[in-house]
């Protein structure tokens, strides 16, 4: 049961990390895509808006780090227990 919980926490944490990272990269790509398509037509504060969106994505990804690390620790503990039982 602990191994399943550890696996579930690892997958959930990784998914949250990838979603947050994707949000940050999407904001950066949107900024550069707009700059490439119309360099002089960028609205004022576009960089600030993109930076805020990137920070938001990074913070969401950081929230996923805790369940990811806990899940990894639980999985490692389960592997160590199984190895100790075999001996």
N, C-alpha and C. Protein backbone atom coordinates (compact mmCIF):
# COMPACT_ATOMS: atom_id res chain seq x y z
N UNK A 1 0.82 -1.19 0.00
CA UNK A 1 0.00 0.00 0.00
C UNK A 1 0.87 1.26 0.00
N UNK A 2 1.98 1.22 0.74
CA UNK A 2 2.86 2.39 0.76
C UNK A 2 3.52 2.62 -0.58
N UNK A 3 3.84 1.54 -1.25
CA UNK A 3 4.47 1.68 -2.57
C UNK A 3 3.48 2.31 -3.56
N UNK A 4 2.23 1.92 -3.49
CA UNK A 4 1.23 2.52 -4.37
C UNK A 4 1.03 4.00 -4.04
N UNK A 5 0.99 4.32 -2.76
CA UNK A 5 0.85 5.73 -2.36
C UNK A 5 2.06 6.54 -2.81
N UNK A 6 3.24 5.97 -2.66
CA UNK A 6 4.45 6.65 -3.11
C UNK A 6 4.45 6.87 -4.61
N UNK A 7 4.01 5.85 -5.35
CA UNK A 7 3.92 5.97 -6.80
C UNK A 7 2.90 7.03 -7.19
N UNK A 8 1.76 7.04 -6.52
CA UNK A 8 0.72 8.01 -6.81
C UNK A 8 1.19 9.43 -6.52
N UNK A 9 1.86 9.63 -5.39
CA UNK A 9 2.39 10.95 -5.06
C UNK A 9 3.46 11.39 -6.06
N UNK A 10 4.28 10.47 -6.49
CA UNK A 10 5.32 10.80 -7.47
C UNK A 10 4.71 11.23 -8.79
N UNK A 11 3.73 10.50 -9.26
CA UNK A 11 3.08 10.83 -10.53
C UNK A 11 2.32 12.15 -10.42
N UNK A 12 1.62 12.34 -9.33
CA UNK A 12 0.86 13.57 -9.12
C UNK A 12 1.81 14.77 -9.05
N UNK A 13 2.88 14.64 -8.28
CA UNK A 13 3.85 15.73 -8.16
C UNK A 13 4.51 16.05 -9.49
N UNK A 14 4.87 15.01 -10.25
CA UNK A 14 5.49 15.24 -11.56
C UNK A 14 4.51 15.93 -12.51
N UNK A 15 3.25 15.55 -12.46
CA UNK A 15 2.25 16.19 -13.31
C UNK A 15 2.11 17.67 -12.97
N UNK A 16 2.08 17.99 -11.69
CA UNK A 16 1.96 19.39 -11.28
C UNK A 16 3.21 20.17 -11.70
N UNK A 17 4.38 19.57 -11.57
CA UNK A 17 5.62 20.23 -11.98
C UNK A 17 5.60 20.50 -13.49
N UNK A 18 5.17 19.52 -14.28
CA UNK A 18 5.13 19.70 -15.73
C UNK A 18 4.10 20.74 -16.15
N UNK A 19 2.96 20.79 -15.47
CA UNK A 19 1.95 21.79 -15.79
C UNK A 19 2.48 23.19 -15.48
N UNK A 20 3.09 23.36 -14.33
CA UNK A 20 3.66 24.67 -13.98
C UNK A 20 4.77 25.08 -14.94
N UNK A 21 5.63 24.15 -15.28
CA UNK A 21 6.69 24.46 -16.23
C UNK A 21 6.14 24.79 -17.61
N UNK A 22 5.10 24.07 -18.01
CA UNK A 22 4.46 24.36 -19.30
C UNK A 22 3.83 25.73 -19.33
N UNK A 23 3.22 26.13 -18.21
CA UNK A 23 2.65 27.47 -18.14
C UNK A 23 3.73 28.54 -18.28
N UNK A 24 4.86 28.32 -17.64
CA UNK A 24 5.95 29.29 -17.71
C UNK A 24 6.54 29.37 -19.12
N UNK A 25 6.73 28.23 -19.74
CA UNK A 25 7.29 28.22 -21.10
C UNK A 25 6.30 28.80 -22.09
N UNK A 26 5.00 28.53 -21.90
CA UNK A 26 3.99 29.08 -22.80
C UNK A 26 3.96 30.61 -22.73
N UNK A 27 4.11 31.17 -21.53
CA UNK A 27 4.15 32.63 -21.39
C UNK A 27 5.37 33.21 -22.09
N UNK A 28 6.50 32.55 -21.95
CA UNK A 28 7.72 33.02 -22.60
C UNK A 28 7.60 32.90 -24.12
N UNK A 29 7.05 31.80 -24.60
CA UNK A 29 6.88 31.61 -26.04
C UNK A 29 5.89 32.63 -26.60
N UNK A 30 4.87 32.96 -25.86
CA UNK A 30 3.91 33.97 -26.31
C UNK A 30 4.55 35.34 -26.43
N UNK A 31 5.41 35.66 -25.49
CA UNK A 31 6.11 36.95 -25.54
C UNK A 31 7.01 37.01 -26.77
N UNK A 32 7.80 35.99 -26.99
CA UNK A 32 8.71 35.99 -28.13
C UNK A 32 7.96 35.84 -29.45
N UNK A 33 6.88 35.10 -29.46
CA UNK A 33 6.08 34.98 -30.68
C UNK A 33 5.48 36.31 -31.08
N UNK A 34 4.99 37.07 -30.11
CA UNK A 34 4.47 38.41 -30.40
C UNK A 34 5.56 39.36 -30.85
N UNK A 35 6.74 39.24 -30.27
CA UNK A 35 7.85 40.10 -30.66
C UNK A 35 8.33 39.78 -32.07
N UNK A 36 8.25 38.52 -32.46
CA UNK A 36 8.67 38.16 -33.81
C UNK A 36 7.64 38.53 -34.87
N UNK A 37 6.37 38.43 -34.53
CA UNK A 37 5.33 38.72 -35.52
C UNK A 37 5.14 40.23 -35.71
N UNK A 38 5.21 41.00 -34.64
CA UNK A 38 5.04 42.46 -34.76
C UNK A 38 5.91 43.13 -33.70
N UNK A 39 7.18 43.39 -34.01
CA UNK A 39 8.11 43.90 -33.01
C UNK A 39 7.71 45.26 -32.42
N UNK A 40 7.14 46.13 -33.23
CA UNK A 40 6.79 47.46 -32.73
C UNK A 40 5.37 47.54 -32.19
N UNK A 41 4.61 46.50 -32.34
CA UNK A 41 3.22 46.51 -31.91
C UNK A 41 2.99 45.90 -30.54
N UNK A 42 4.04 45.68 -29.79
CA UNK A 42 3.88 45.10 -28.45
C UNK A 42 3.24 46.13 -27.52
N UNK A 43 2.22 45.72 -26.78
CA UNK A 43 1.61 46.67 -25.84
C UNK A 43 2.56 46.97 -24.68
N UNK A 44 2.35 48.11 -24.06
CA UNK A 44 3.17 48.47 -22.91
C UNK A 44 2.92 47.48 -21.78
N UNK A 45 3.99 47.04 -21.15
CA UNK A 45 3.88 46.12 -20.04
C UNK A 45 3.77 44.67 -20.44
N UNK A 46 4.00 44.34 -21.70
CA UNK A 46 3.90 42.95 -22.14
C UNK A 46 4.95 42.10 -21.44
N UNK A 47 6.15 42.65 -21.26
CA UNK A 47 7.21 41.90 -20.59
C UNK A 47 6.86 41.65 -19.13
N UNK A 48 6.28 42.65 -18.49
CA UNK A 48 5.89 42.51 -17.08
C UNK A 48 4.78 41.46 -16.94
N UNK A 49 3.84 41.48 -17.85
CA UNK A 49 2.75 40.49 -17.81
C UNK A 49 3.30 39.08 -18.02
N UNK A 50 4.23 38.94 -18.97
CA UNK A 50 4.82 37.62 -19.23
C UNK A 50 5.64 37.16 -18.03
N UNK A 51 6.36 38.09 -17.41
CA UNK A 51 7.15 37.73 -16.23
C UNK A 51 6.25 37.27 -15.08
N UNK A 52 5.14 37.96 -14.89
CA UNK A 52 4.20 37.56 -13.84
C UNK A 52 3.61 36.18 -14.12
N UNK A 53 3.27 35.92 -15.38
CA UNK A 53 2.73 34.61 -15.75
C UNK A 53 3.78 33.52 -15.57
N UNK A 54 5.03 33.83 -15.88
CA UNK A 54 6.10 32.84 -15.71
C UNK A 54 6.33 32.54 -14.24
N UNK A 55 6.33 33.56 -13.39
CA UNK A 55 6.50 33.35 -11.95
C UNK A 55 5.35 32.51 -11.40
N UNK A 56 4.14 32.77 -11.87
CA UNK A 56 2.97 32.00 -11.43
C UNK A 56 3.15 30.53 -11.81
N UNK A 57 3.61 30.27 -13.01
CA UNK A 57 3.85 28.89 -13.45
C UNK A 57 4.93 28.21 -12.64
N UNK A 58 5.99 28.94 -12.34
CA UNK A 58 7.07 28.37 -11.54
C UNK A 58 6.59 28.06 -10.12
N UNK A 59 5.77 28.93 -9.55
CA UNK A 59 5.25 28.67 -8.20
C UNK A 59 4.32 27.46 -8.19
N UNK A 60 3.53 27.29 -9.23
CA UNK A 60 2.67 26.10 -9.32
C UNK A 60 3.54 24.86 -9.43
N UNK A 61 4.60 24.93 -10.23
CA UNK A 61 5.51 23.80 -10.33
C UNK A 61 6.22 23.49 -9.03
N UNK A 62 6.53 24.54 -8.26
CA UNK A 62 7.20 24.35 -6.98
C UNK A 62 6.29 23.64 -5.98
N UNK A 63 4.99 23.88 -6.08
CA UNK A 63 4.04 23.19 -5.20
C UNK A 63 4.08 21.69 -5.47
N UNK A 64 4.30 21.29 -6.70
CA UNK A 64 4.35 19.88 -7.05
C UNK A 64 5.62 19.19 -6.60
N UNK A 65 6.64 19.97 -6.24
CA UNK A 65 7.90 19.36 -5.82
C UNK A 65 7.76 18.60 -4.50
N UNK A 66 6.93 19.10 -3.59
CA UNK A 66 6.78 18.44 -2.29
C UNK A 66 6.17 17.04 -2.42
N UNK A 67 5.02 16.87 -3.09
CA UNK A 67 4.52 15.49 -3.21
C UNK A 67 5.44 14.60 -4.04
N UNK A 68 6.14 15.18 -5.01
CA UNK A 68 7.08 14.41 -5.82
C UNK A 68 8.19 13.85 -4.95
N UNK A 69 8.79 14.70 -4.12
CA UNK A 69 9.89 14.25 -3.26
C UNK A 69 9.43 13.26 -2.20
N UNK A 70 8.24 13.49 -1.65
CA UNK A 70 7.70 12.56 -0.66
C UNK A 70 7.44 11.20 -1.31
N UNK A 71 6.89 11.22 -2.52
CA UNK A 71 6.63 9.97 -3.23
C UNK A 71 7.92 9.22 -3.55
N UNK A 72 8.96 9.93 -3.97
CA UNK A 72 10.25 9.29 -4.25
C UNK A 72 10.81 8.67 -2.97
N UNK A 73 10.71 9.38 -1.86
CA UNK A 73 11.22 8.84 -0.59
C UNK A 73 10.45 7.59 -0.18
N UNK A 74 9.13 7.60 -0.38
CA UNK A 74 8.33 6.43 -0.03
C UNK A 74 8.68 5.24 -0.93
N UNK A 75 8.89 5.49 -2.19
CA UNK A 75 9.27 4.41 -3.10
C UNK A 75 10.63 3.83 -2.74
N UNK A 76 11.59 4.70 -2.42
CA UNK A 76 12.91 4.22 -2.04
C UNK A 76 12.85 3.42 -0.74
N UNK A 77 12.04 3.88 0.20
CA UNK A 77 11.90 3.14 1.46
C UNK A 77 11.29 1.77 1.21
N UNK A 78 10.33 1.68 0.31
CA UNK A 78 9.74 0.39 -0.03
C UNK A 78 10.73 -0.55 -0.68
N UNK A 79 11.58 -0.02 -1.54
CA UNK A 79 12.60 -0.85 -2.19
C UNK A 79 13.60 -1.36 -1.16
N UNK A 80 14.00 -0.49 -0.24
CA UNK A 80 14.96 -0.90 0.79
C UNK A 80 14.33 -1.97 1.68
N UNK A 81 13.08 -1.82 2.04
CA UNK A 81 12.40 -2.82 2.87
C UNK A 81 12.34 -4.18 2.16
N UNK A 82 12.03 -4.15 0.87
CA UNK A 82 11.97 -5.41 0.13
C UNK A 82 13.33 -6.07 0.07
N UNK A 83 14.38 -5.29 -0.11
CA UNK A 83 15.73 -5.87 -0.14
C UNK A 83 16.11 -6.43 1.22
N UNK A 84 15.70 -5.76 2.28
CA UNK A 84 16.03 -6.27 3.63
C UNK A 84 15.25 -7.56 3.92
N UNK A 85 14.03 -7.68 3.45
CA UNK A 85 13.23 -8.89 3.67
C UNK A 85 13.83 -10.07 2.94
N UNK A 86 14.41 -9.84 1.79
CA UNK A 86 15.01 -10.94 1.01
C UNK A 86 16.23 -11.50 1.67
N UNK A 87 16.90 -10.74 2.47
CA UNK A 87 18.11 -11.21 3.14
C UNK A 87 17.75 -11.93 4.36
